[in-house]
Amino acid sequence: MSTSELNRIKLNLIGWINQLSDESLISVLEGIRTSRSNRDWWEELTNDQKEIILKGFGDAEEGKLHKSKEFWKRLKDAG
């Protein structure tokens, strides 16, 4: 991946994060950001954060998925 593409992705992520209002999702992202690389990040998450992630895995296993294109369109349309 090129440097310019990485920078574009980072800017898109910054814009997306800036628009977030879901406290649980923000908390998960903060947990990931502050995790230590020499420790298992899972152990640093709160029980609520772990529940959210596990629910996501369960939803995926049940086929409750949205195509990435649909997700981004909905996000764009909501803004």
C-alpha atoms as a PDB file:
ATOM      1  CA  MET A   1       0.000   0.000   0.000  1.00  0.00           C
ATOM      2  CA  SER A   2       1.421   3.367  -0.982  1.00  0.00           C
ATOM      3  CA  THR A   3       2.050   6.224   1.433  1.00  0.00           C
ATOM      4  CA  SER A   4      -0.579   8.376  -0.250  1.00  0.00           C
ATOM      5  CA  GLU A   5      -3.153   5.601   0.019  1.00  0.00           C
ATOM      6  CA  LEU A   6      -2.331   5.096   3.706  1.00  0.00           C
ATOM      7  CA  ASN A   7      -2.729   8.824   4.306  1.00  0.00           C
ATOM      8  CA  ARG A   8      -6.076   8.839   2.496  1.00  0.00           C
ATOM      9  CA  ILE A   9      -7.312   5.934   4.602  1.00  0.00           C
ATOM     10  CA  LYS A  10      -6.149   7.621   7.807  1.00  0.00           C
ATOM     11  CA  LEU A  11      -7.968  10.828   6.885  1.00  0.00           C
ATOM     12  CA  ASN A  12     -11.140   8.850   6.139  1.00  0.00           C
ATOM     13  CA  LEU A  13     -10.851   7.136   9.521  1.00  0.00           C
ATOM     14  CA  ILE A  14     -10.339  10.461  11.296  1.00  0.00           C
ATOM     15  CA  GLY A  15     -13.471  11.846   9.644  1.00  0.00           C
ATOM     16  CA  TRP A  16     -15.471   8.746  10.544  1.00  0.00           C
ATOM     17  CA  ILE A  17     -14.287   8.726  14.157  1.00  0.00           C
ATOM     18  CA  ASN A  18     -15.026  12.435  14.468  1.00  0.00           C
ATOM     19  CA  GLN A  19     -18.688  11.771  13.573  1.00  0.00           C
ATOM     20  CA  LEU A  20     -19.157   8.870  16.012  1.00  0.00           C
ATOM     21  CA  SER A  21     -21.618   9.268  18.858  1.00  0.00           C
ATOM     22  CA  ASP A  22     -21.834   5.618  19.998  1.00  0.00           C
ATOM     23  CA  GLU A  23     -20.020   5.622  23.345  1.00  0.00           C
ATOM     24  CA  SER A  24     -19.513   1.856  23.277  1.00  0.00           C
ATOM     25  CA  LEU A  25     -17.791   1.947  19.910  1.00  0.00           C
ATOM     26  CA  ILE A  26     -15.667   4.904  20.966  1.00  0.00           C
ATOM     27  CA  SER A  27     -14.689   2.985  24.088  1.00  0.00           C
ATOM     28  CA  VAL A  28     -13.655  -0.040  22.010  1.00  0.00           C
ATOM     29  CA  LEU A  29     -11.556   2.135  19.723  1.00  0.00           C
ATOM     30  CA  GLU A  30      -9.920   3.793  22.722  1.00  0.00           C
ATOM     31  CA  GLY A  31      -9.141   0.365  24.168  1.00  0.00           C
ATOM     32  CA  ILE A  32      -7.446  -0.652  20.946  1.00  0.00           C
ATOM     33  CA  ARG A  33      -5.533   2.628  20.785  1.00  0.00           C
ATOM     34  CA  THR A  34      -4.172   2.374  24.296  1.00  0.00           C
ATOM     35  CA  SER A  35      -3.385  -1.345  24.264  1.00  0.00           C
ATOM     36  CA  ARG A  36       0.212  -2.344  24.813  1.00  0.00           C
ATOM     37  CA  SER A  37       1.834  -4.257  21.985  1.00  0.00           C
ATOM     38  CA  ASN A  38       3.549  -6.699  24.356  1.00  0.00           C
ATOM     39  CA  ARG A  39       0.295  -7.571  26.104  1.00  0.00           C
ATOM     40  CA  ASP A  40      -2.834  -9.234  24.806  1.00  0.00           C
ATOM     41  CA  TRP A  41      -5.148  -6.335  23.945  1.00  0.00           C
ATOM     42  CA  TRP A  42      -8.182  -8.525  24.688  1.00  0.00           C
ATOM     43  CA  GLU A  43      -7.233  -8.624  28.366  1.00  0.00           C
ATOM     44  CA  GLU A  44      -7.200  -4.821  28.472  1.00  0.00           C
ATOM     45  CA  LEU A  45     -10.772  -4.469  27.213  1.00  0.00           C
ATOM     46  CA  THR A  46     -13.680  -3.982  29.580  1.00  0.00           C
ATOM     47  CA  ASN A  47     -16.346  -6.666  29.842  1.00  0.00           C
ATOM     48  CA  ASP A  48     -18.726  -4.391  27.894  1.00  0.00           C
ATOM     49  CA  GLN A  49     -16.184  -4.049  25.087  1.00  0.00           C
ATOM     50  CA  LYS A  50     -15.653  -7.810  24.983  1.00  0.00           C
ATOM     51  CA  GLU A  51     -19.420  -8.369  24.839  1.00  0.00           C
ATOM     52  CA  ILE A  52     -19.735  -5.999  21.869  1.00  0.00           C
ATOM     53  CA  ILE A  53     -16.979  -7.787  19.974  1.00  0.00           C
ATOM     54  CA  LEU A  54     -18.356 -11.240  20.760  1.00  0.00           C
ATOM     55  CA  LYS A  55     -21.841 -10.122  19.696  1.00  0.00           C
ATOM     56  CA  GLY A  56     -20.324  -8.972  16.409  1.00  0.00           C
ATOM     57  CA  PHE A  57     -18.748 -12.386  15.900  1.00  0.00           C
ATOM     58  CA  GLY A  58     -22.100 -14.032  16.681  1.00  0.00           C
ATOM     59  CA  ASP A  59     -23.903 -11.760  14.242  1.00  0.00           C
ATOM     60  CA  ALA A  60     -21.356 -12.642  11.558  1.00  0.00           C
ATOM     61  CA  GLU A  61     -21.783 -16.368  12.181  1.00  0.00           C
ATOM     62  CA  GLU A  62     -25.568 -15.939  11.843  1.00  0.00           C
ATOM     63  CA  GLY A  63     -25.141 -14.144   8.537  1.00  0.00           C
ATOM     64  CA  LYS A  64     -26.211 -10.766   9.922  1.00  0.00           C
ATOM     65  CA  LEU A  65     -23.753  -8.911   7.743  1.00  0.00           C
ATOM     66  CA  HIS A  66     -23.813  -5.880   5.481  1.00  0.00           C
ATOM     67  CA  LYS A  67     -21.596  -5.453   2.481  1.00  0.00           C
ATOM     68  CA  SER A  68     -18.944  -2.824   3.008  1.00  0.00           C
ATOM     69  CA  LYS A  69     -20.335  -0.784   0.115  1.00  0.00           C
ATOM     70  CA  GLU A  70     -23.796  -0.739   1.739  1.00  0.00           C
ATOM     71  CA  PHE A  71     -22.342   0.218   5.133  1.00  0.00           C
ATOM     72  CA  TRP A  72     -20.408   3.187   3.762  1.00  0.00           C
ATOM     73  CA  LYS A  73     -23.404   4.340   1.684  1.00  0.00           C
ATOM     74  CA  ARG A  74     -25.631   4.287   4.779  1.00  0.00           C
ATOM     75  CA  LEU A  75     -22.986   6.130   6.784  1.00  0.00           C
ATOM     76  CA  LYS A  76     -22.613   8.739   4.055  1.00  0.00           C
ATOM     77  CA  ASP A  77     -26.384   9.145   3.683  1.00  0.00           C
ATOM     78  CA  ALA A  78     -26.771   9.578   7.465  1.00  0.00           C
ATOM     79  CA  GLY A  79     -24.378  12.527   7.515  1.00  0.00           C
END
